[in-house]
């Protein structure tokens, strides 16, 4: 039995992934782009990917690949996109002028009950929804790349987003098998990037100061912290590493503070000797012409890791 209509704006990698996720549980997905040739290419790639996932035994949902593909259609007409849609997921490039223009177009034709959700990792929702008449229906649902294999979604409301919109969005993400976290308010960088940037700032200093190479920095994560964080978050890790988290911070809180006082100021990350050094060493680890192959390896690992995590 078919479900309600979901609109996807943008036929790039993220838009295709969202299309497959919603189709996996039977939603009627309409993929929108302004160029017919991009739509055609996206549909072809989606069909191929769904059948590939089925062959590998990693297709989500209970529907077959062909049944899921039949749930997906496409249009270059924005009015056709929004008509009777209960939810629209925007996936256009990270340019605030493009987003503002798109949201004004959507605002002019969207129905009053439709949720408009952004995949942005950069912009707080208030930046592109403040002048909309339907701004209370705008929310961010930020996935991590690749969304089909990494289930986290950050749900971020604008100051005027209705609580009902946040709750419905969270329920929808759970329904399609994602793992949403809901921020109580918008904050620059959301949660994932704030944590990620803190790590990147420190590893930048470690390489800049010659303390570690790029390969050793990455080994700290892949052979150390990352192994724990694939199963446990930093707070549960602390909880298990002592007699509970209260004991951990009582025992190590002074050390954490003392080490933190030695951190250098936030680096201005820009082109220069440090970036050139990092880029050169990254290129030695994964040459530019091997990036696509390495991404395939990454995705395969994430598939297998997700299967393993289900056991826990």
C-alpha atoms as a PDB file:
ATOM      1  CA  UNK A   1       0.000   0.000   0.000  1.00  0.00           C
ATOM      2  CA  UNK A   2       1.550   3.297  -1.092  1.00  0.00           C
ATOM      3  CA  UNK A   3       2.216   6.038   1.424  1.00  0.00           C
ATOM      4  CA  UNK A   4       2.086   9.811   1.220  1.00  0.00           C
ATOM      5  CA  UNK A   5       4.131  11.974  -1.102  1.00  0.00           C
ATOM      6  CA  UNK A   6       7.652  13.163  -0.305  1.00  0.00           C
ATOM      7  CA  UNK A   7       9.398  15.815  -2.404  1.00  0.00           C
ATOM      8  CA  UNK A   8      13.160  15.886  -2.896  1.00  0.00           C
ATOM      9  CA  UNK A   9      14.790  19.060  -4.231  1.00  0.00           C
ATOM     10  CA  UNK A  10      18.136  18.385  -5.906  1.00  0.00           C
ATOM     11  CA  UNK A  11      19.243  15.277  -7.781  1.00  0.00           C
ATOM     12  CA  UNK A  12      22.833  15.110  -6.527  1.00  0.00           C
ATOM     13  CA  UNK A  13      24.297  12.443  -4.262  1.00  0.00           C
ATOM     14  CA  UNK A  14      22.392  13.522  -1.145  1.00  0.00           C
ATOM     15  CA  UNK A  15      19.102  13.920  -3.012  1.00  0.00           C
ATOM     16  CA  UNK A  16      19.448  10.449  -4.525  1.00  0.00           C
ATOM     17  CA  UNK A  17      20.211   8.968  -1.116  1.00  0.00           C
ATOM     18  CA  UNK A  18      17.159  10.624   0.472  1.00  0.00           C
ATOM     19  CA  UNK A  19      15.019   9.351  -2.415  1.00  0.00           C
ATOM     20  CA  UNK A  20      16.110   5.774  -1.767  1.00  0.00           C
ATOM     21  CA  UNK A  21      15.636   6.097   1.990  1.00  0.00           C
ATOM     22  CA  UNK A  22      12.055   7.331   1.686  1.00  0.00           C
ATOM     23  CA  UNK A  23      11.230   4.823  -1.052  1.00  0.00           C
ATOM     24  CA  UNK A  24      12.557   1.986   1.117  1.00  0.00           C
ATOM     25  CA  UNK A  25       9.379   2.118   3.217  1.00  0.00           C
ATOM     26  CA  UNK A  26       6.997   2.891   0.350  1.00  0.00           C
ATOM     27  CA  UNK A  27       6.718   6.675   0.291  1.00  0.00           C
ATOM     28  CA  UNK A  28       5.875   8.128  -3.112  1.00  0.00           C
ATOM     29  CA  UNK A  29       8.970  10.183  -3.857  1.00  0.00           C
ATOM     30  CA  UNK A  30       9.112  12.995  -6.403  1.00  0.00           C
ATOM     31  CA  UNK A  31      12.629  14.110  -7.279  1.00  0.00           C
ATOM     32  CA  UNK A  32      12.911  17.702  -8.524  1.00  0.00           C
ATOM     33  CA  UNK A  33      15.654  19.436 -10.473  1.00  0.00           C
ATOM     34  CA  UNK A  34      15.686  22.267 -12.996  1.00  0.00           C
ATOM     35  CA  UNK A  35      17.566  20.302 -15.688  1.00  0.00           C
ATOM     36  CA  UNK A  36      15.840  17.324 -17.352  1.00  0.00           C
ATOM     37  CA  UNK A  37      19.161  15.644 -18.154  1.00  0.00           C
ATOM     38  CA  UNK A  38      20.158  15.673 -14.487  1.00  0.00           C
ATOM     39  CA  UNK A  39      16.825  14.117 -13.561  1.00  0.00           C
ATOM     40  CA  UNK A  40      17.261  11.350 -16.129  1.00  0.00           C
ATOM     41  CA  UNK A  41      20.797  10.606 -14.978  1.00  0.00           C
ATOM     42  CA  UNK A  42      19.719  10.574 -11.321  1.00  0.00           C
ATOM     43  CA  UNK A  43      16.884   8.111 -11.945  1.00  0.00           C
ATOM     44  CA  UNK A  44      19.238   5.826 -13.845  1.00  0.00           C
ATOM     45  CA  UNK A  45      21.798   5.922 -11.018  1.00  0.00           C
ATOM     46  CA  UNK A  46      19.116   5.298  -8.381  1.00  0.00           C
ATOM     47  CA  UNK A  47      17.796   2.240 -10.219  1.00  0.00           C
ATOM     48  CA  UNK A  48      21.298   0.821 -10.641  1.00  0.00           C
ATOM     49  CA  UNK A  49      22.167   1.466  -6.997  1.00  0.00           C
ATOM     50  CA  UNK A  50      18.964  -0.138  -5.680  1.00  0.00           C
ATOM     51  CA  UNK A  51      19.609  -3.313  -7.673  1.00  0.00           C
ATOM     52  CA  UNK A  52      23.251  -3.329  -6.574  1.00  0.00           C
ATOM     53  CA  UNK A  53      22.158  -3.059  -2.931  1.00  0.00           C
ATOM     54  CA  UNK A  54      19.708  -5.913  -3.458  1.00  0.00           C
ATOM     55  CA  UNK A  55      22.430  -8.128  -4.950  1.00  0.00           C
ATOM     56  CA  UNK A  56      24.698  -7.342  -1.996  1.00  0.00           C
ATOM     57  CA  UNK A  57      21.973  -8.052   0.537  1.00  0.00           C
ATOM     58  CA  UNK A  58      22.095  -4.512   1.932  1.00  0.00           C
ATOM     59  CA  UNK A  59      18.874  -3.082   0.488  1.00  0.00           C
ATOM     60  CA  UNK A  60      16.816  -1.371   3.157  1.00  0.00           C
ATOM     61  CA  UNK A  61      13.180  -2.162   3.815  1.00  0.00           C
ATOM     62  CA  UNK A  62      10.996  -5.113   2.820  1.00  0.00           C
ATOM     63  CA  UNK A  63      10.136  -3.966  -0.702  1.00  0.00           C
ATOM     64  CA  UNK A  64      12.143  -5.259  -3.655  1.00  0.00           C
ATOM     65  CA  UNK A  65      14.518  -2.983  -5.543  1.00  0.00           C
ATOM     66  CA  UNK A  66      12.044  -2.708  -8.415  1.00  0.00           C
ATOM     67  CA  UNK A  67       9.144  -1.930  -6.060  1.00  0.00           C
ATOM     68  CA  UNK A  68      11.205   0.800  -4.421  1.00  0.00           C
ATOM     69  CA  UNK A  69      12.230   2.276  -7.758  1.00  0.00           C
ATOM     70  CA  UNK A  70       8.588   2.409  -8.831  1.00  0.00           C
ATOM     71  CA  UNK A  71       7.974   4.654  -5.807  1.00  0.00           C
ATOM     72  CA  UNK A  72      10.284   7.299  -7.307  1.00  0.00           C
ATOM     73  CA  UNK A  73       9.300   9.728 -10.057  1.00  0.00           C
ATOM     74  CA  UNK A  74      10.749  13.052 -11.159  1.00  0.00           C
ATOM     75  CA  UNK A  75       9.730  16.512 -12.306  1.00  0.00           C
ATOM     76  CA  UNK A  76      11.138  19.876 -13.382  1.00  0.00           C
ATOM     77  CA  UNK A  77       7.918  21.633 -12.311  1.00  0.00           C
ATOM     78  CA  UNK A  78       8.112  23.028  -8.790  1.00  0.00           C
ATOM     79  CA  UNK A  79       4.318  23.195  -8.536  1.00  0.00           C
ATOM     80  CA  UNK A  80       4.090  19.498  -9.330  1.00  0.00           C
ATOM     81  CA  UNK A  81       6.756  18.843  -6.710  1.00  0.00           C
ATOM     82  CA  UNK A  82       4.865  20.485  -3.848  1.00  0.00           C
ATOM     83  CA  UNK A  83       1.335  19.437  -4.806  1.00  0.00           C
ATOM     84  CA  UNK A  84      -0.052  17.203  -2.002  1.00  0.00           C
ATOM     85  CA  UNK A  85       3.429  16.709  -0.525  1.00  0.00           C
ATOM     86  CA  UNK A  86       3.525  16.099   3.211  1.00  0.00           C
ATOM     87  CA  UNK A  87       7.306  16.638   3.428  1.00  0.00           C
ATOM     88  CA  UNK A  88       9.964  18.232   1.218  1.00  0.00           C
ATOM     89  CA  UNK A  89      13.670  17.579   1.682  1.00  0.00           C
ATOM     90  CA  UNK A  90      15.926  20.216   0.118  1.00  0.00           C
ATOM     91  CA  UNK A  91      19.387  19.079  -1.044  1.00  0.00           C
ATOM     92  CA  UNK A  92      20.808  21.912  -3.149  1.00  0.00           C
ATOM     93  CA  UNK A  93      24.435  23.162  -2.909  1.00  0.00           C
ATOM     94  CA  UNK A  94      25.553  25.151   0.120  1.00  0.00           C
ATOM     95  CA  UNK A  95      25.057  28.681  -1.188  1.00  0.00           C
ATOM     96  CA  UNK A  96      22.892  30.892   0.955  1.00  0.00           C
ATOM     97  CA  UNK A  97      21.717  33.012  -1.993  1.00  0.00           C
ATOM     98  CA  UNK A  98      20.511  29.875  -3.796  1.00  0.00           C
ATOM     99  CA  UNK A  99      18.745  28.636  -0.700  1.00  0.00           C
ATOM    100  CA  UNK A 100      16.998  31.934  -0.052  1.00  0.00           C
ATOM    101  CA  UNK A 101      15.796  32.040  -3.645  1.00  0.00           C
ATOM    102  CA  UNK A 102      14.566  28.441  -3.546  1.00  0.00           C
ATOM    103  CA  UNK A 103      12.720  28.872  -0.254  1.00  0.00           C
ATOM    104  CA  UNK A 104      10.938  31.938  -1.573  1.00  0.00           C
ATOM    105  CA  UNK A 105       9.844  29.904  -4.600  1.00  0.00           C
ATOM    106  CA  UNK A 106       8.646  27.063  -2.384  1.00  0.00           C
ATOM    107  CA  UNK A 107       6.889  29.466  -0.028  1.00  0.00           C
ATOM    108  CA  UNK A 108       4.821  30.844  -2.890  1.00  0.00           C
ATOM    109  CA  UNK A 109       3.391  27.462  -3.920  1.00  0.00           C
ATOM    110  CA  UNK A 110       3.673  25.093  -0.961  1.00  0.00           C
ATOM    111  CA  UNK A 111       0.615  23.926   0.957  1.00  0.00           C
ATOM    112  CA  UNK A 112       0.107  25.069   4.544  1.00  0.00           C
ATOM    113  CA  UNK A 113       0.612  21.617   6.080  1.00  0.00           C
ATOM    114  CA  UNK A 114       3.823  20.726   4.222  1.00  0.00           C
ATOM    115  CA  UNK A 115       7.091  20.517   6.151  1.00  0.00           C
ATOM    116  CA  UNK A 116      10.102  21.975   4.333  1.00  0.00           C
ATOM    117  CA  UNK A 117      13.328  20.405   5.545  1.00  0.00           C
ATOM    118  CA  UNK A 118      16.901  21.303   4.597  1.00  0.00           C
ATOM    119  CA  UNK A 119      19.913  18.990   4.327  1.00  0.00           C
ATOM    120  CA  UNK A 120      22.254  21.911   5.012  1.00  0.00           C
ATOM    121  CA  UNK A 121      25.327  21.307   7.162  1.00  0.00           C
ATOM    122  CA  UNK A 122      26.299  24.973   7.120  1.00  0.00           C
ATOM    123  CA  UNK A 123      23.398  27.353   7.556  1.00  0.00           C
ATOM    124  CA  UNK A 124      21.076  27.799  10.517  1.00  0.00           C
ATOM    125  CA  UNK A 125      17.456  27.590   9.320  1.00  0.00           C
ATOM    126  CA  UNK A 126      16.671  31.149  10.396  1.00  0.00           C
ATOM    127  CA  UNK A 127      19.089  32.431   7.737  1.00  0.00           C
ATOM    128  CA  UNK A 128      16.904  31.319   4.832  1.00  0.00           C
ATOM    129  CA  UNK A 129      13.406  31.156   6.343  1.00  0.00           C
ATOM    130  CA  UNK A 130      12.964  34.448   8.192  1.00  0.00           C
ATOM    131  CA  UNK A 131      10.988  36.154   5.392  1.00  0.00           C
ATOM    132  CA  UNK A 132       8.712  33.204   4.605  1.00  0.00           C
ATOM    133  CA  UNK A 133       4.996  33.168   5.320  1.00  0.00           C
ATOM    134  CA  UNK A 134       5.271  29.430   6.078  1.00  0.00           C
ATOM    135  CA  UNK A 135       8.455  29.765   8.117  1.00  0.00           C
ATOM    136  CA  UNK A 136       6.978  27.845  11.048  1.00  0.00           C
ATOM    137  CA  UNK A 137       7.136  24.705   8.861  1.00  0.00           C
ATOM    138  CA  UNK A 138      10.867  24.986   8.098  1.00  0.00           C
ATOM    139  CA  UNK A 139      13.395  22.742   9.840  1.00  0.00           C
ATOM    140  CA  UNK A 140      16.866  21.338   9.163  1.00  0.00           C
ATOM    141  CA  UNK A 141      17.354  17.579   8.811  1.00  0.00           C
ATOM    142  CA  UNK A 142      21.111  17.335   8.320  1.00  0.00           C
ATOM    143  CA  UNK A 143      22.391  13.891   7.284  1.00  0.00           C
ATOM    144  CA  UNK A 144      25.963  12.665   7.304  1.00  0.00           C
ATOM    145  CA  UNK A 145      27.535  11.489   4.074  1.00  0.00           C
ATOM    146  CA  UNK A 146      26.769   8.847   2.871  1.00  0.00           C
ATOM    147  CA  UNK A 147      23.241   8.951   4.379  1.00  0.00           C
ATOM    148  CA  UNK A 148      22.279   5.453   3.243  1.00  0.00           C
ATOM    149  CA  UNK A 149      24.991   3.945   5.457  1.00  0.00           C
ATOM    150  CA  UNK A 150      25.359   6.537   8.237  1.00  0.00           C
ATOM    151  CA  UNK A 151      21.977   6.828   9.977  1.00  0.00           C
ATOM    152  CA  UNK A 152      22.523   9.994  12.019  1.00  0.00           C
ATOM    153  CA  UNK A 153      20.283  12.967  11.210  1.00  0.00           C
ATOM    154  CA  UNK A 154      20.494  16.271  13.094  1.00  0.00           C
ATOM    155  CA  UNK A 155      17.090  17.930  13.432  1.00  0.00           C
ATOM    156  CA  UNK A 156      17.490  21.668  14.001  1.00  0.00           C
ATOM    157  CA  UNK A 157      14.546  24.056  14.420  1.00  0.00           C
ATOM    158  CA  UNK A 158      14.512  27.758  13.663  1.00  0.00           C
ATOM    159  CA  UNK A 159      13.278  29.988  16.501  1.00  0.00           C
ATOM    160  CA  UNK A 160       9.794  29.965  14.911  1.00  0.00           C
ATOM    161  CA  UNK A 161       9.582  26.297  13.897  1.00  0.00           C
ATOM    162  CA  UNK A 162       6.468  24.653  15.346  1.00  0.00           C
ATOM    163  CA  UNK A 163       7.067  21.894  17.902  1.00  0.00           C
ATOM    164  CA  UNK A 164       4.701  19.713  15.885  1.00  0.00           C
ATOM    165  CA  UNK A 165       6.952  20.068  12.832  1.00  0.00           C
ATOM    166  CA  UNK A 166       9.998  18.933  14.812  1.00  0.00           C
ATOM    167  CA  UNK A 167       8.093  15.965  16.252  1.00  0.00           C
ATOM    168  CA  UNK A 168       6.709  14.889  12.855  1.00  0.00           C
ATOM    169  CA  UNK A 169      10.140  15.179  11.267  1.00  0.00           C
ATOM    170  CA  UNK A 170      11.725  13.070  13.997  1.00  0.00           C
ATOM    171  CA  UNK A 171       9.037  10.395  13.625  1.00  0.00           C
ATOM    172  CA  UNK A 172       9.568  10.333   9.866  1.00  0.00           C
ATOM    173  CA  UNK A 173      13.327   9.871  10.262  1.00  0.00           C
ATOM    174  CA  UNK A 174      12.788   6.992  12.651  1.00  0.00           C
ATOM    175  CA  UNK A 175      10.310   5.429  10.235  1.00  0.00           C
ATOM    176  CA  UNK A 176      12.863   5.306   7.409  1.00  0.00           C
ATOM    177  CA  UNK A 177      15.519   3.802   9.679  1.00  0.00           C
ATOM    178  CA  UNK A 178      17.612   6.872  10.483  1.00  0.00           C
ATOM    179  CA  UNK A 179      18.805   7.822  13.970  1.00  0.00           C
ATOM    180  CA  UNK A 180      17.750  11.420  14.641  1.00  0.00           C
ATOM    181  CA  UNK A 181      19.091  13.712  17.342  1.00  0.00           C
ATOM    182  CA  UNK A 182      17.011  16.802  18.053  1.00  0.00           C
ATOM    183  CA  UNK A 183      18.652  20.086  18.981  1.00  0.00           C
ATOM    184  CA  UNK A 184      16.464  22.234  21.235  1.00  0.00           C
ATOM    185  CA  UNK A 185      17.506  25.350  19.295  1.00  0.00           C
ATOM    186  CA  UNK A 186      19.627  26.352  16.332  1.00  0.00           C
ATOM    187  CA  UNK A 187      23.326  26.840  16.937  1.00  0.00           C
ATOM    188  CA  UNK A 188      26.049  27.552  14.399  1.00  0.00           C
ATOM    189  CA  UNK A 189      27.639  24.315  13.186  1.00  0.00           C
ATOM    190  CA  UNK A 190      24.875  22.230  14.800  1.00  0.00           C
ATOM    191  CA  UNK A 191      26.295  19.376  16.931  1.00  0.00           C
ATOM    192  CA  UNK A 192      28.266  17.170  14.546  1.00  0.00           C
ATOM    193  CA  UNK A 193      30.344  19.925  13.013  1.00  0.00           C
ATOM    194  CA  UNK A 194      31.002  21.640  16.343  1.00  0.00           C
ATOM    195  CA  UNK A 195      32.501  18.389  17.655  1.00  0.00           C
ATOM    196  CA  UNK A 196      34.236  17.626  14.362  1.00  0.00           C
ATOM    197  CA  UNK A 197      35.730  21.104  14.092  1.00  0.00           C
ATOM    198  CA  UNK A 198      37.129  20.899  17.633  1.00  0.00           C
ATOM    199  CA  UNK A 199      38.997  17.752  16.581  1.00  0.00           C
ATOM    200  CA  UNK A 200      40.181  19.282  13.295  1.00  0.00           C
ATOM    201  CA  UNK A 201      41.444  22.408  15.068  1.00  0.00           C
ATOM    202  CA  UNK A 202      43.618  20.343  17.409  1.00  0.00           C
ATOM    203  CA  UNK A 203      44.949  17.959  14.759  1.00  0.00           C
ATOM    204  CA  UNK A 204      45.829  20.996  12.622  1.00  0.00           C
ATOM    205  CA  UNK A 205      48.018  22.230  15.501  1.00  0.00           C
ATOM    206  CA  UNK A 206      49.561  18.788  16.064  1.00  0.00           C
ATOM    207  CA  UNK A 207      50.648  18.598  12.426  1.00  0.00           C
ATOM    208  CA  UNK A 208      51.628  22.287  12.244  1.00  0.00           C
ATOM    209  CA  UNK A 209      53.830  21.936  15.338  1.00  0.00           C
ATOM    210  CA  UNK A 210      55.429  18.739  14.039  1.00  0.00           C
ATOM    211  CA  UNK A 211      54.112  16.618  16.914  1.00  0.00           C
ATOM    212  CA  UNK A 212      52.474  14.041  14.619  1.00  0.00           C
ATOM    213  CA  UNK A 213      52.258  13.265  10.931  1.00  0.00           C
ATOM    214  CA  UNK A 214      48.915  13.155   9.144  1.00  0.00           C
ATOM    215  CA  UNK A 215      49.035   9.336   9.124  1.00  0.00           C
ATOM    216  CA  UNK A 216      49.678   9.222  12.873  1.00  0.00           C
ATOM    217  CA  UNK A 217      46.900  11.704  13.574  1.00  0.00           C
ATOM    218  CA  UNK A 218      44.472   9.510  11.645  1.00  0.00           C
ATOM    219  CA  UNK A 219      45.786   6.401  13.443  1.00  0.00           C
ATOM    220  CA  UNK A 220      44.845   7.986  16.774  1.00  0.00           C
ATOM    221  CA  UNK A 221      41.242   7.911  15.549  1.00  0.00           C
ATOM    222  CA  UNK A 222      41.115   4.761  13.414  1.00  0.00           C
ATOM    223  CA  UNK A 223      43.133   2.520  15.756  1.00  0.00           C
ATOM    224  CA  UNK A 224      42.178   4.206  19.012  1.00  0.00           C
ATOM    225  CA  UNK A 225      39.352   6.598  19.744  1.00  0.00           C
ATOM    226  CA  UNK A 226      37.350   5.713  16.632  1.00  0.00           C
ATOM    227  CA  UNK A 227      37.117   2.039  17.587  1.00  0.00           C
ATOM    228  CA  UNK A 228      35.402   2.984  20.836  1.00  0.00           C
ATOM    229  CA  UNK A 229      33.328   5.761  19.317  1.00  0.00           C
ATOM    230  CA  UNK A 230      31.899   3.385  16.714  1.00  0.00           C
ATOM    231  CA  UNK A 231      30.024   1.751  19.593  1.00  0.00           C
ATOM    232  CA  UNK A 232      30.188   4.201  22.503  1.00  0.00           C
ATOM    233  CA  UNK A 233      29.986   7.975  22.600  1.00  0.00           C
ATOM    234  CA  UNK A 234      32.535  10.036  24.574  1.00  0.00           C
ATOM    235  CA  UNK A 235      30.327  10.292  27.639  1.00  0.00           C
ATOM    236  CA  UNK A 236      29.522   6.569  27.829  1.00  0.00           C
ATOM    237  CA  UNK A 237      33.221   5.875  27.206  1.00  0.00           C
ATOM    238  CA  UNK A 238      34.016   7.994  30.264  1.00  0.00           C
ATOM    239  CA  UNK A 239      31.212   6.278  32.160  1.00  0.00           C
ATOM    240  CA  UNK A 240      32.741   2.847  31.498  1.00  0.00           C
ATOM    241  CA  UNK A 241      36.349   3.925  32.031  1.00  0.00           C
ATOM    242  CA  UNK A 242      35.716   4.666  35.692  1.00  0.00           C
ATOM    243  CA  UNK A 243      33.143   3.870  38.341  1.00  0.00           C
ATOM    244  CA  UNK A 244      30.561   5.848  36.412  1.00  0.00           C
ATOM    245  CA  UNK A 245      30.797   9.215  34.701  1.00  0.00           C
ATOM    246  CA  UNK A 246      30.685  11.188  37.967  1.00  0.00           C
ATOM    247  CA  UNK A 247      33.721   9.284  39.217  1.00  0.00           C
ATOM    248  CA  UNK A 248      35.500   9.828  35.885  1.00  0.00           C
ATOM    249  CA  UNK A 249      35.151  13.594  35.921  1.00  0.00           C
ATOM    250  CA  UNK A 250      35.933  13.841  39.630  1.00  0.00           C
ATOM    251  CA  UNK A 251      39.143  11.862  39.041  1.00  0.00           C
ATOM    252  CA  UNK A 252      40.202  13.366  35.711  1.00  0.00           C
ATOM    253  CA  UNK A 253      38.451  16.732  35.618  1.00  0.00           C
ATOM    254  CA  UNK A 254      41.547  18.661  36.790  1.00  0.00           C
ATOM    255  CA  UNK A 255      43.718  16.926  34.188  1.00  0.00           C
ATOM    256  CA  UNK A 256      41.200  17.655  31.440  1.00  0.00           C
ATOM    257  CA  UNK A 257      41.196  21.299  32.451  1.00  0.00           C
ATOM    258  CA  UNK A 258      45.005  21.475  32.686  1.00  0.00           C
ATOM    259  CA  UNK A 259      45.535  19.921  29.245  1.00  0.00           C
ATOM    260  CA  UNK A 260      42.801  22.112  27.759  1.00  0.00           C
ATOM    261  CA  UNK A 261      44.637  25.213  28.988  1.00  0.00           C
ATOM    262  CA  UNK A 262      47.571  24.239  26.746  1.00  0.00           C
ATOM    263  CA  UNK A 263      45.473  24.291  23.572  1.00  0.00           C
ATOM    264  CA  UNK A 264      46.539  26.958  21.133  1.00  0.00           C
ATOM    265  CA  UNK A 265      43.992  29.535  19.915  1.00  0.00           C
ATOM    266  CA  UNK A 266      41.648  28.424  17.164  1.00  0.00           C
ATOM    267  CA  UNK A 267      43.777  28.240  14.021  1.00  0.00           C
ATOM    268  CA  UNK A 268      42.954  30.256  10.946  1.00  0.00           C
ATOM    269  CA  UNK A 269      42.688  27.366   8.518  1.00  0.00           C
ATOM    270  CA  UNK A 270      43.698  28.661   5.120  1.00  0.00           C
ATOM    271  CA  UNK A 271      46.170  28.076   2.335  1.00  0.00           C
ATOM    272  CA  UNK A 272      49.759  28.126   3.542  1.00  0.00           C
ATOM    273  CA  UNK A 273      52.579  25.844   4.678  1.00  0.00           C
ATOM    274  CA  UNK A 274      50.472  23.784   7.091  1.00  0.00           C
ATOM    275  CA  UNK A 275      47.707  23.101   4.599  1.00  0.00           C
ATOM    276  CA  UNK A 276      50.277  22.269   1.932  1.00  0.00           C
ATOM    277  CA  UNK A 277      51.945  19.799   4.326  1.00  0.00           C
ATOM    278  CA  UNK A 278      48.632  18.165   5.235  1.00  0.00           C
ATOM    279  CA  UNK A 279      47.554  18.021   1.584  1.00  0.00           C
ATOM    280  CA  UNK A 280      50.842  16.457   0.506  1.00  0.00           C
ATOM    281  CA  UNK A 281      50.668  13.770   3.185  1.00  0.00           C
ATOM    282  CA  UNK A 282      46.986  13.052   2.475  1.00  0.00           C
ATOM    283  CA  UNK A 283      47.847  12.717  -1.211  1.00  0.00           C
ATOM    284  CA  UNK A 284      50.529  10.188  -0.282  1.00  0.00           C
ATOM    285  CA  UNK A 285      47.963   8.215   1.746  1.00  0.00           C
ATOM    286  CA  UNK A 286      45.258   8.373  -0.932  1.00  0.00           C
ATOM    287  CA  UNK A 287      46.331   9.752  -4.326  1.00  0.00           C
ATOM    288  CA  UNK A 288      43.774  11.961  -6.020  1.00  0.00           C
ATOM    289  CA  UNK A 289      43.053   9.389  -8.717  1.00  0.00           C
ATOM    290  CA  UNK A 290      42.250   6.826  -5.995  1.00  0.00           C
ATOM    291  CA  UNK A 291      39.667   8.915  -4.127  1.00  0.00           C
ATOM    292  CA  UNK A 292      36.672   7.269  -5.825  1.00  0.00           C
ATOM    293  CA  UNK A 293      38.043   3.803  -5.097  1.00  0.00           C
ATOM    294  CA  UNK A 294      38.668   4.738  -1.468  1.00  0.00           C
ATOM    295  CA  UNK A 295      35.095   6.039  -1.136  1.00  0.00           C
ATOM    296  CA  UNK A 296      33.799   2.675  -2.358  1.00  0.00           C
ATOM    297  CA  UNK A 297      35.942   0.955   0.285  1.00  0.00           C
ATOM    298  CA  UNK A 298      34.618   3.364   2.910  1.00  0.00           C
ATOM    299  CA  UNK A 299      31.012   2.654   1.982  1.00  0.00           C
ATOM    300  CA  UNK A 300      31.582  -1.105   2.042  1.00  0.00           C
ATOM    301  CA  UNK A 301      33.126  -0.821   5.490  1.00  0.00           C
ATOM    302  CA  UNK A 302      30.198   1.267   6.711  1.00  0.00           C
ATOM    303  CA  UNK A 303      27.734  -1.340   5.405  1.00  0.00           C
ATOM    304  CA  UNK A 304      29.507  -4.102   7.296  1.00  0.00           C
ATOM    305  CA  UNK A 305      29.918  -1.963  10.407  1.00  0.00           C
ATOM    306  CA  UNK A 306      26.205  -1.164  10.448  1.00  0.00           C
ATOM    307  CA  UNK A 307      25.394  -4.879  10.241  1.00  0.00           C
ATOM    308  CA  UNK A 308      27.753  -5.523  13.160  1.00  0.00           C
ATOM    309  CA  UNK A 309      26.254  -2.701  15.202  1.00  0.00           C
ATOM    310  CA  UNK A 310      22.804  -4.256  14.873  1.00  0.00           C
ATOM    311  CA  UNK A 311      24.050  -7.086  17.085  1.00  0.00           C
ATOM    312  CA  UNK A 312      24.477  -4.564  19.893  1.00  0.00           C
END
